[in-house]
Amino acid sequence: MTEFWLISAPGEKTCQQTWDKLMVATTRTNNLSTNNKFNIPDLKVGTLDVLVGLSDELAKLDTFVESVVKKVAQYMADVLEDSRDKVQENLLANGALYYIKMKTLLDLVTYITRFQWDMAKYPIKQSLKNISEIISKQATQIDNDLKARASAYNNLKGNLQNLERKNAGSLLTRSLADIVKKEDFVLDSEYLVTMLVVVPKTGYADWQKTYETLAEMVVPRSTKLLFEDNDSGLFSVTLFRKAVDDFKHKARENKFTVRDFQYNEEEMKADKEEMTRLSTDKKKQFGPLVRWLKVNFSEAFIAWIHIKALRVFVESVLRYGLPVNFQAMLLQPNKKNMKKLREVLYDLYKHLDSSAAIIDASMDIPGLNLSQQEYYPYVSYKIDCNLLEFKV
């Protein structure tokens, strides 16, 4: 992934001359950036008051739509879990023109560098305000749908993880249902009961020596090792019901842990069925959810780039005036030369702004941090695709 600078400058005698000047300054002598023309159609200008108000609204909408793009992408990473390394190959854009020609989804860089306005989704006969509202409603719908789908899937995933955690971990806390068998217990006896005791591996010998004397009425030679993990073993022992409390107390004093467990075949069967059901439901929902995320990431990303195009158009008209005459250009800066590229662009376009001609961007003036404000004498917006990268 990479970062792009979407800029515009007023047309010279022709917009092609503006483009040629940029290419000479940035590529033909010092390879500062890779450049592409960014095609923005003839949009309806409207009144100056509308453009001024729309400029602020588009800035807010830009931030919102970008956040939706990032949320969908991040949730894609969360859903893919162990396959997070496949996130990037699922973050694609379906460009209308290129999809028709190529019958394929485009990687994000290709979509941006070959950007074509989607006339079907965002008709240019509509006002700029209407187009921005279409995008706003679309992004809001995706955001709301994502919240609902994520909530449902997360609940399902959380319930499954809770059951899986019960069947994992230490013998002191984990479920014993998948360890023990019916024949390990004395069942349906009025007088006898089978207890399950967790014994540290270092205490096996002590257990064998002492378990029969921890309380009266322990059945001799009734203990049996049922299961072991790295630290402990699970032993069964049979005793009379009336000796249970005394046995528990003495076992605790000897650092043996009695697990509260009653063998109930119906409950154990229900737990296993619930685990199977949740696991099956998760698998069923996974495919459609990933498809929804892919489609709606594409929709949100395309909407975001169209917002950038709208912002360039509105700001260019406000800055350079009417009639509409500017060239939008997409720069992919060479990472090592970003500062140099800004300096070259400043020298190329400082004549566009009287204040910029007076104040050098490299000057250190107290109270004025131009780099922090990111104000330039030309229209400039970042498209930071690095925001969509994840640690895998």
Protein backbone atom coordinates (compact mmCIF):
# COMPACT_ATOMS: atom_id res chain seq x y z
CA MET A 1 0.00 0.00 0.00
CA THR A 2 1.04 3.57 -0.42
CA GLU A 3 0.18 7.24 -0.05
CA PHE A 4 -1.12 9.48 -2.82
CA TRP A 5 -1.35 13.25 -3.11
CA LEU A 6 -4.37 14.42 -5.06
CA ILE A 7 -3.64 17.96 -6.20
CA SER A 8 -4.95 20.49 -8.68
CA ALA A 9 -3.58 23.58 -10.40
CA PRO A 10 -5.27 26.03 -12.74
CA GLY A 11 -5.05 25.39 -16.45
CA GLU A 12 -2.48 27.37 -18.40
CA LYS A 13 -3.52 28.02 -21.99
CA THR A 14 -4.58 24.39 -21.83
CA CYS A 15 -4.79 21.90 -18.99
CA GLN A 16 -2.26 19.77 -20.87
CA GLN A 17 0.34 22.50 -20.33
CA THR A 18 -0.34 22.38 -16.58
CA TRP A 19 0.19 18.64 -16.69
CA ASP A 20 3.38 18.91 -18.74
CA LYS A 21 4.88 21.43 -16.29
CA LEU A 22 4.21 19.08 -13.38
CA MET A 23 5.77 16.15 -15.21
CA VAL A 24 8.92 18.14 -16.06
CA ALA A 25 9.28 19.34 -12.46
CA THR A 26 8.68 16.02 -10.73
CA THR A 27 9.63 13.14 -12.99
CA ARG A 28 11.86 13.97 -15.92
CA THR A 29 14.85 15.22 -13.97
CA ASN A 30 14.63 13.89 -10.42
CA ASN A 31 12.01 11.09 -10.22
CA LEU A 32 10.21 12.57 -7.21
CA SER A 33 6.86 10.93 -7.91
CA THR A 34 4.80 8.78 -10.24
CA ASN A 35 1.96 10.87 -11.66
CA ASN A 36 -1.41 10.23 -13.25
CA LYS A 37 -4.09 12.54 -14.51
CA PHE A 38 -7.13 12.35 -12.25
CA ASN A 39 -10.28 12.63 -14.32
CA ILE A 40 -13.07 14.69 -12.76
CA PRO A 41 -16.13 15.26 -14.99
CA ASP A 42 -17.88 18.58 -15.58
CA LEU A 43 -19.90 18.84 -12.38
CA LYS A 44 -22.59 21.42 -11.65
CA VAL A 45 -20.96 24.38 -9.95
CA GLY A 46 -23.92 26.06 -8.23
CA THR A 47 -23.59 29.31 -6.26
CA LEU A 48 -20.58 30.55 -4.34
CA ASP A 49 -22.48 30.35 -1.02
CA VAL A 50 -23.34 26.72 -1.66
CA LEU A 51 -19.72 25.90 -2.53
CA VAL A 52 -18.39 27.53 0.65
CA GLY A 53 -20.85 25.60 2.83
CA LEU A 54 -20.25 22.39 0.90
CA SER A 55 -16.50 22.68 1.37
CA ASP A 56 -16.92 22.29 5.16
CA GLU A 57 -19.52 19.54 4.81
CA LEU A 58 -17.31 17.56 2.44
CA ALA A 59 -14.39 17.76 4.87
CA LYS A 60 -16.56 16.15 7.57
CA LEU A 61 -17.97 13.61 5.13
CA ASP A 62 -14.45 12.72 3.99
CA THR A 63 -13.48 11.90 7.58
CA PHE A 64 -16.65 9.86 8.15
CA VAL A 65 -16.44 7.82 4.95
CA GLU A 66 -12.74 7.15 5.57
CA SER A 67 -13.65 5.84 9.03
CA VAL A 68 -16.25 3.51 7.49
CA VAL A 69 -13.66 2.21 5.00
CA LYS A 70 -11.23 1.53 7.84
CA LYS A 71 -13.89 -0.15 10.01
CA VAL A 72 -14.97 -2.51 7.24
CA ALA A 73 -11.34 -3.34 6.46
CA GLN A 74 -10.47 -3.89 10.11
CA TYR A 75 -13.47 -6.13 10.65
CA MET A 76 -12.44 -8.14 7.60
CA ALA A 77 -9.12 -8.74 9.39
CA ASP A 78 -10.94 -9.73 12.59
CA VAL A 79 -13.24 -12.17 10.79
CA LEU A 80 -10.41 -13.83 8.84
CA GLU A 81 -8.66 -14.58 12.18
CA ASP A 82 -5.83 -17.01 11.36
CA SER A 83 -5.95 -15.99 7.68
CA ARG A 84 -5.23 -12.30 8.35
CA ASP A 85 -2.43 -12.47 5.81
CA LYS A 86 -5.16 -12.71 3.17
CA VAL A 87 -6.77 -9.40 4.19
CA GLN A 88 -5.11 -7.32 1.49
CA GLU A 89 -6.17 -9.61 -1.33
CA ASN A 90 -9.78 -9.15 -0.20
CA LEU A 91 -9.58 -5.35 -0.08
CA LEU A 92 -10.39 -4.58 -3.68
CA ALA A 93 -12.39 -1.98 -5.57
CA ASN A 94 -14.93 -2.65 -8.29
CA GLY A 95 -14.39 0.21 -10.71
CA ALA A 96 -17.44 0.56 -12.93
CA LEU A 97 -15.63 1.22 -16.23
CA TYR A 98 -12.78 -1.22 -15.65
CA TYR A 99 -15.04 -3.90 -14.20
CA ILE A 100 -17.07 -3.89 -17.42
CA LYS A 101 -13.93 -4.10 -19.56
CA MET A 102 -11.83 -6.45 -17.45
CA LYS A 103 -14.53 -8.42 -15.60
CA THR A 104 -12.44 -8.28 -12.47
CA LEU A 105 -11.99 -6.45 -9.21
CA LEU A 106 -9.18 -3.94 -9.05
CA ASP A 107 -6.53 -3.54 -6.41
CA LEU A 108 -6.83 -0.16 -4.70
CA VAL A 109 -3.77 1.43 -6.31
CA THR A 110 -5.00 0.48 -9.78
CA TYR A 111 -8.47 1.84 -9.02
CA ILE A 112 -7.10 5.18 -7.79
CA THR A 113 -4.61 5.65 -10.61
CA ARG A 114 -7.22 4.78 -13.25
CA PHE A 115 -10.07 6.57 -11.53
CA GLN A 116 -13.20 7.10 -13.59
CA TRP A 117 -16.28 8.83 -12.20
CA ASP A 118 -19.17 6.40 -11.68
CA MET A 119 -21.97 8.09 -13.62
CA ALA A 120 -24.55 5.46 -12.62
CA LYS A 121 -24.07 5.82 -8.87
CA TYR A 122 -23.38 9.54 -8.80
CA PRO A 123 -25.12 11.24 -11.77
CA ILE A 124 -23.32 14.46 -12.69
CA LYS A 125 -26.59 16.11 -13.72
CA GLN A 126 -27.40 16.28 -10.02
CA SER A 127 -26.14 19.12 -7.86
CA LEU A 128 -22.93 18.73 -5.86
CA LYS A 129 -25.03 18.84 -2.68
CA ASN A 130 -27.22 15.95 -3.89
CA ILE A 131 -24.22 13.86 -4.88
CA SER A 132 -22.65 14.38 -1.44
CA GLU A 133 -25.95 13.37 0.20
CA ILE A 134 -26.10 10.19 -1.91
CA ILE A 135 -22.62 9.27 -0.70
CA SER A 136 -23.46 10.19 2.90
CA LYS A 137 -26.58 7.98 2.91
CA GLN A 138 -24.65 5.12 1.31
CA ALA A 139 -21.81 5.30 3.85
CA THR A 140 -24.24 5.61 6.77
CA GLN A 141 -26.12 2.52 5.57
CA ILE A 142 -22.90 0.52 5.30
CA ASP A 143 -21.86 1.71 8.77
CA ASN A 144 -25.21 0.70 10.31
CA ASP A 145 -25.28 -2.64 8.53
CA LEU A 146 -21.72 -3.35 9.68
CA LYS A 147 -22.66 -2.68 13.30
CA ALA A 148 -25.63 -5.06 13.09
CA ARG A 149 -23.75 -7.85 11.30
CA ALA A 150 -20.67 -7.51 13.51
CA SER A 151 -22.81 -7.63 16.66
CA ALA A 152 -24.58 -10.83 15.56
CA TYR A 153 -21.37 -12.56 14.44
CA ASN A 154 -19.41 -11.44 17.50
CA ASN A 155 -22.12 -12.80 19.83
CA LEU A 156 -22.03 -16.14 18.05
CA LYS A 157 -18.23 -16.19 18.06
CA GLY A 158 -18.11 -15.15 21.73
CA ASN A 159 -20.54 -17.89 22.81
CA LEU A 160 -18.51 -20.48 20.93
CA GLN A 161 -15.25 -19.23 22.44
CA ASN A 162 -16.75 -19.40 25.93
CA LEU A 163 -17.69 -23.05 25.39
CA GLU A 164 -14.27 -23.79 23.90
CA ARG A 165 -12.58 -22.15 26.90
CA LYS A 166 -14.61 -24.38 29.22
CA ASN A 167 -13.11 -27.40 27.45
CA ALA A 168 -9.55 -26.12 27.65
CA GLY A 169 -7.14 -24.91 30.27
CA SER A 170 -6.29 -26.25 33.70
CA LEU A 171 -8.02 -29.21 35.32
CA LEU A 172 -8.85 -26.84 38.16
CA THR A 173 -11.25 -24.83 35.99
CA ARG A 174 -12.02 -26.60 32.71
CA SER A 175 -15.14 -28.59 31.96
CA LEU A 176 -14.76 -32.26 32.77
CA ALA A 177 -17.64 -33.41 30.60
CA ASP A 178 -15.44 -34.56 27.70
CA ILE A 179 -12.97 -36.30 30.02
CA VAL A 180 -15.10 -38.55 32.22
CA LYS A 181 -17.26 -41.52 31.25
CA LYS A 182 -20.35 -43.04 32.78
CA GLU A 183 -18.43 -46.07 34.04
CA ASP A 184 -16.16 -43.78 36.12
CA PHE A 185 -19.04 -43.10 38.55
CA VAL A 186 -21.18 -44.91 41.03
CA LEU A 187 -24.63 -43.74 39.97
CA ASP A 188 -28.12 -44.05 41.47
CA SER A 189 -26.79 -45.14 44.85
CA GLU A 190 -28.56 -43.99 47.98
CA TYR A 191 -25.38 -44.17 50.06
CA LEU A 192 -22.32 -43.94 47.78
CA VAL A 193 -21.03 -41.09 45.62
CA THR A 194 -18.00 -40.64 43.34
CA MET A 195 -15.92 -37.49 43.80
CA LEU A 196 -13.42 -36.02 41.33
CA VAL A 197 -10.19 -34.64 42.77
CA VAL A 198 -7.41 -32.63 41.08
CA VAL A 199 -4.01 -33.67 42.42
CA PRO A 200 -0.69 -31.94 41.51
CA LYS A 201 1.69 -34.32 39.78
CA THR A 202 4.16 -33.79 42.58
CA GLY A 203 1.48 -35.01 45.04
CA TYR A 204 0.53 -38.32 43.41
CA ALA A 205 2.36 -40.39 46.02
CA ASP A 206 0.82 -38.43 48.90
CA TRP A 207 -2.64 -38.89 47.39
CA GLN A 208 -2.25 -42.64 47.13
CA LYS A 209 -1.04 -42.83 50.74
CA THR A 210 -3.66 -40.58 52.30
CA TYR A 211 -6.91 -40.50 50.32
CA GLU A 212 -8.46 -43.42 52.23
CA THR A 213 -7.85 -41.62 55.55
CA LEU A 214 -9.02 -38.11 54.58
CA ALA A 215 -12.45 -39.00 55.98
CA GLU A 216 -14.30 -41.96 57.39
CA MET A 217 -16.19 -44.18 55.02
CA VAL A 218 -13.91 -43.76 51.96
CA VAL A 219 -14.10 -46.95 49.88
CA PRO A 220 -10.65 -48.58 49.95
CA ARG A 221 -8.75 -48.86 46.65
CA SER A 222 -11.48 -46.89 44.89
CA THR A 223 -9.26 -44.18 43.41
CA LYS A 224 -8.46 -44.15 39.71
CA LEU A 225 -6.45 -41.72 37.54
CA LEU A 226 -8.83 -40.57 34.78
CA PHE A 227 -6.87 -37.82 33.02
CA GLU A 228 -3.62 -35.82 33.17
CA ASP A 229 -2.49 -32.44 31.90
CA ASN A 230 0.97 -30.89 32.25
CA ASP A 231 0.54 -30.01 35.92
CA SER A 232 -2.10 -32.23 37.50
CA GLY A 233 -4.07 -35.41 37.38
CA LEU A 234 -7.79 -36.01 37.79
CA PHE A 235 -8.57 -38.83 40.22
CA SER A 236 -11.90 -40.40 41.09
CA VAL A 237 -12.66 -41.67 44.57
CA THR A 238 -15.81 -43.26 46.00
CA LEU A 239 -17.12 -42.61 49.52
CA PHE A 240 -20.32 -42.51 51.55
CA ARG A 241 -22.45 -39.42 50.97
CA LYS A 242 -22.45 -38.40 54.65
CA ALA A 243 -18.63 -38.16 54.60
CA VAL A 244 -18.49 -35.71 51.66
CA ASP A 245 -18.15 -32.45 53.61
CA ASP A 246 -15.44 -33.83 55.87
CA PHE A 247 -13.59 -35.28 52.87
CA LYS A 248 -13.64 -31.93 51.04
CA HIS A 249 -12.27 -30.12 54.08
CA LYS A 250 -9.43 -32.56 54.66
CA ALA A 251 -8.60 -32.69 50.93
CA ARG A 252 -8.26 -28.90 50.85
CA GLU A 253 -5.90 -29.02 53.84
CA ASN A 254 -3.72 -31.47 51.90
CA LYS A 255 -3.75 -29.28 48.75
CA PHE A 256 -6.05 -31.60 46.83
CA THR A 257 -8.87 -29.83 44.96
CA VAL A 258 -12.29 -31.47 44.88
CA ARG A 259 -14.21 -30.48 41.75
CA ASP A 260 -17.95 -29.90 42.10
CA PHE A 261 -19.20 -32.20 39.38
CA GLN A 262 -22.29 -34.31 38.96
CA TYR A 263 -22.52 -36.73 36.10
CA ASN A 264 -25.59 -35.76 34.07
CA GLU A 265 -25.74 -37.36 30.67
CA GLU A 266 -28.50 -35.10 29.36
CA GLU A 267 -26.68 -31.88 30.32
CA MET A 268 -23.42 -33.12 28.82
CA LYS A 269 -25.18 -34.09 25.61
CA ALA A 270 -26.87 -30.67 25.45
CA ASP A 271 -23.49 -28.91 25.88
CA LYS A 272 -21.95 -30.93 23.05
CA GLU A 273 -24.93 -30.24 20.80
CA GLU A 274 -24.69 -26.52 21.60
CA MET A 275 -20.99 -26.53 20.71
CA THR A 276 -21.74 -28.31 17.41
CA ARG A 277 -24.62 -25.92 16.64
CA LEU A 278 -22.54 -22.80 17.31
CA SER A 279 -19.62 -24.12 15.31
CA THR A 280 -21.90 -24.97 12.38
CA ASP A 281 -23.65 -21.59 12.56
CA LYS A 282 -20.30 -19.78 12.57
CA LYS A 283 -19.16 -21.67 9.47
CA LYS A 284 -22.48 -20.92 7.74
CA GLN A 285 -22.24 -17.20 8.51
CA PHE A 286 -18.53 -16.87 7.69
CA GLY A 287 -18.79 -17.10 3.89
CA PRO A 288 -21.72 -14.67 3.42
CA LEU A 289 -20.17 -12.25 5.94
CA VAL A 290 -16.82 -12.17 4.13
CA ARG A 291 -18.63 -11.64 0.81
CA TRP A 292 -20.63 -8.77 2.34
CA LEU A 293 -17.45 -7.20 3.71
CA LYS A 294 -15.70 -7.46 0.33
CA VAL A 295 -18.63 -5.88 -1.53
CA ASN A 296 -19.17 -3.12 1.00
CA PHE A 297 -15.49 -2.36 1.42
CA SER A 298 -15.42 -1.78 -2.32
CA GLU A 299 -18.55 0.42 -2.13
CA ALA A 300 -17.17 2.46 0.78
CA PHE A 301 -13.74 2.86 -0.80
CA ILE A 302 -15.18 3.99 -4.12
CA ALA A 303 -17.44 6.46 -2.30
CA TRP A 304 -14.39 7.78 -0.43
CA ILE A 305 -12.43 8.44 -3.62
CA HIS A 306 -15.44 10.19 -5.12
CA ILE A 307 -15.55 12.43 -2.03
CA LYS A 308 -11.90 13.29 -2.69
CA ALA A 309 -12.81 14.16 -6.27
CA LEU A 310 -15.69 16.35 -5.07
CA ARG A 311 -13.39 18.14 -2.62
CA VAL A 312 -10.82 18.84 -5.32
CA PHE A 313 -13.51 20.18 -7.64
CA VAL A 314 -15.14 22.44 -5.02
CA GLU A 315 -11.84 23.73 -3.63
CA SER A 316 -10.43 24.33 -7.11
CA VAL A 317 -13.45 26.43 -8.11
CA LEU A 318 -13.24 28.40 -4.84
CA ARG A 319 -9.49 28.96 -5.25
CA TYR A 320 -9.08 29.45 -8.97
CA GLY A 321 -12.49 30.93 -9.86
CA LEU A 322 -14.74 30.55 -12.88
CA PRO A 323 -14.95 29.41 -15.57
CA VAL A 324 -13.88 25.96 -14.36
CA ASN A 325 -10.35 25.46 -15.65
CA PHE A 326 -8.01 23.26 -13.63
CA GLN A 327 -6.09 20.02 -13.95
CA ALA A 328 -6.46 17.40 -11.21
CA MET A 329 -3.36 15.26 -10.80
CA LEU A 330 -2.57 12.21 -8.70
CA LEU A 331 0.98 11.97 -7.36
CA GLN A 332 2.47 8.87 -5.81
CA PRO A 333 5.49 10.31 -3.98
CA ASN A 334 8.81 8.54 -3.83
CA LYS A 335 9.00 7.86 -0.07
CA LYS A 336 12.60 9.07 0.17
CA ASN A 337 11.85 12.36 -1.55
CA MET A 338 8.56 13.56 -0.01
CA LYS A 339 10.04 16.71 1.50
CA LYS A 340 11.83 17.56 -1.75
CA LEU A 341 8.60 16.99 -3.70
CA ARG A 342 6.71 19.46 -1.49
CA GLU A 343 9.46 22.03 -2.07
CA VAL A 344 9.30 21.54 -5.84
CA LEU A 345 5.50 21.86 -5.83
CA TYR A 346 5.76 24.99 -3.68
CA ASP A 347 8.18 26.60 -6.12
CA LEU A 348 5.97 25.57 -9.03
CA TYR A 349 2.73 26.98 -7.61
CA LYS A 350 3.64 29.68 -5.05
CA HIS A 351 2.53 32.36 -7.50
CA LEU A 352 -1.08 31.15 -7.01
CA ASP A 353 -1.26 32.64 -3.52
CA SER A 354 0.00 36.11 -2.57
CA SER A 355 0.60 35.04 1.04
CA ALA A 356 2.55 32.01 -0.14
CA ALA A 357 4.77 34.29 -2.19
CA ILE A 358 5.64 36.25 0.93
CA ILE A 359 5.96 33.34 3.36
CA ASP A 360 8.47 30.66 2.46
CA ALA A 361 7.30 27.20 3.61
CA SER A 362 10.77 26.50 4.98
CA MET A 363 10.83 29.66 7.12
CA ASP A 364 10.63 29.21 10.89
CA ILE A 365 8.11 31.83 12.00
CA PRO A 366 6.92 31.77 15.64
CA GLY A 367 3.23 30.88 15.92
CA LEU A 368 2.98 29.76 12.30
CA ASN A 369 3.48 26.10 11.44
CA LEU A 370 2.60 25.70 7.78
CA SER A 371 3.60 22.05 7.69
CA GLN A 372 1.27 21.29 10.59
CA GLN A 373 -1.62 23.18 9.01
CA GLU A 374 -0.87 21.48 5.68
CA TYR A 375 -1.85 24.58 3.71
CA TYR A 376 -0.43 24.85 0.23
CA PRO A 377 -0.90 27.45 -2.53
CA TYR A 378 -2.41 24.67 -4.65
CA VAL A 379 -5.30 22.32 -3.82
CA SER A 380 -3.96 19.19 -2.14
CA TYR A 381 -5.49 16.19 -0.37
CA LYS A 382 -3.88 12.98 0.83
CA ILE A 383 -5.23 9.53 0.07
CA ASP A 384 -3.47 7.36 2.62
CA CYS A 385 -3.95 3.70 1.74
CA ASN A 386 -1.47 2.79 4.49
CA LEU A 387 -4.40 3.26 6.87
CA LEU A 388 -5.70 -0.05 5.56
CA GLU A 389 -2.64 -2.11 6.48
CA PHE A 390 -2.70 -4.60 9.34
CA LYS A 391 -0.21 -6.54 11.37
CA VAL A 392 -0.52 -10.16 10.44
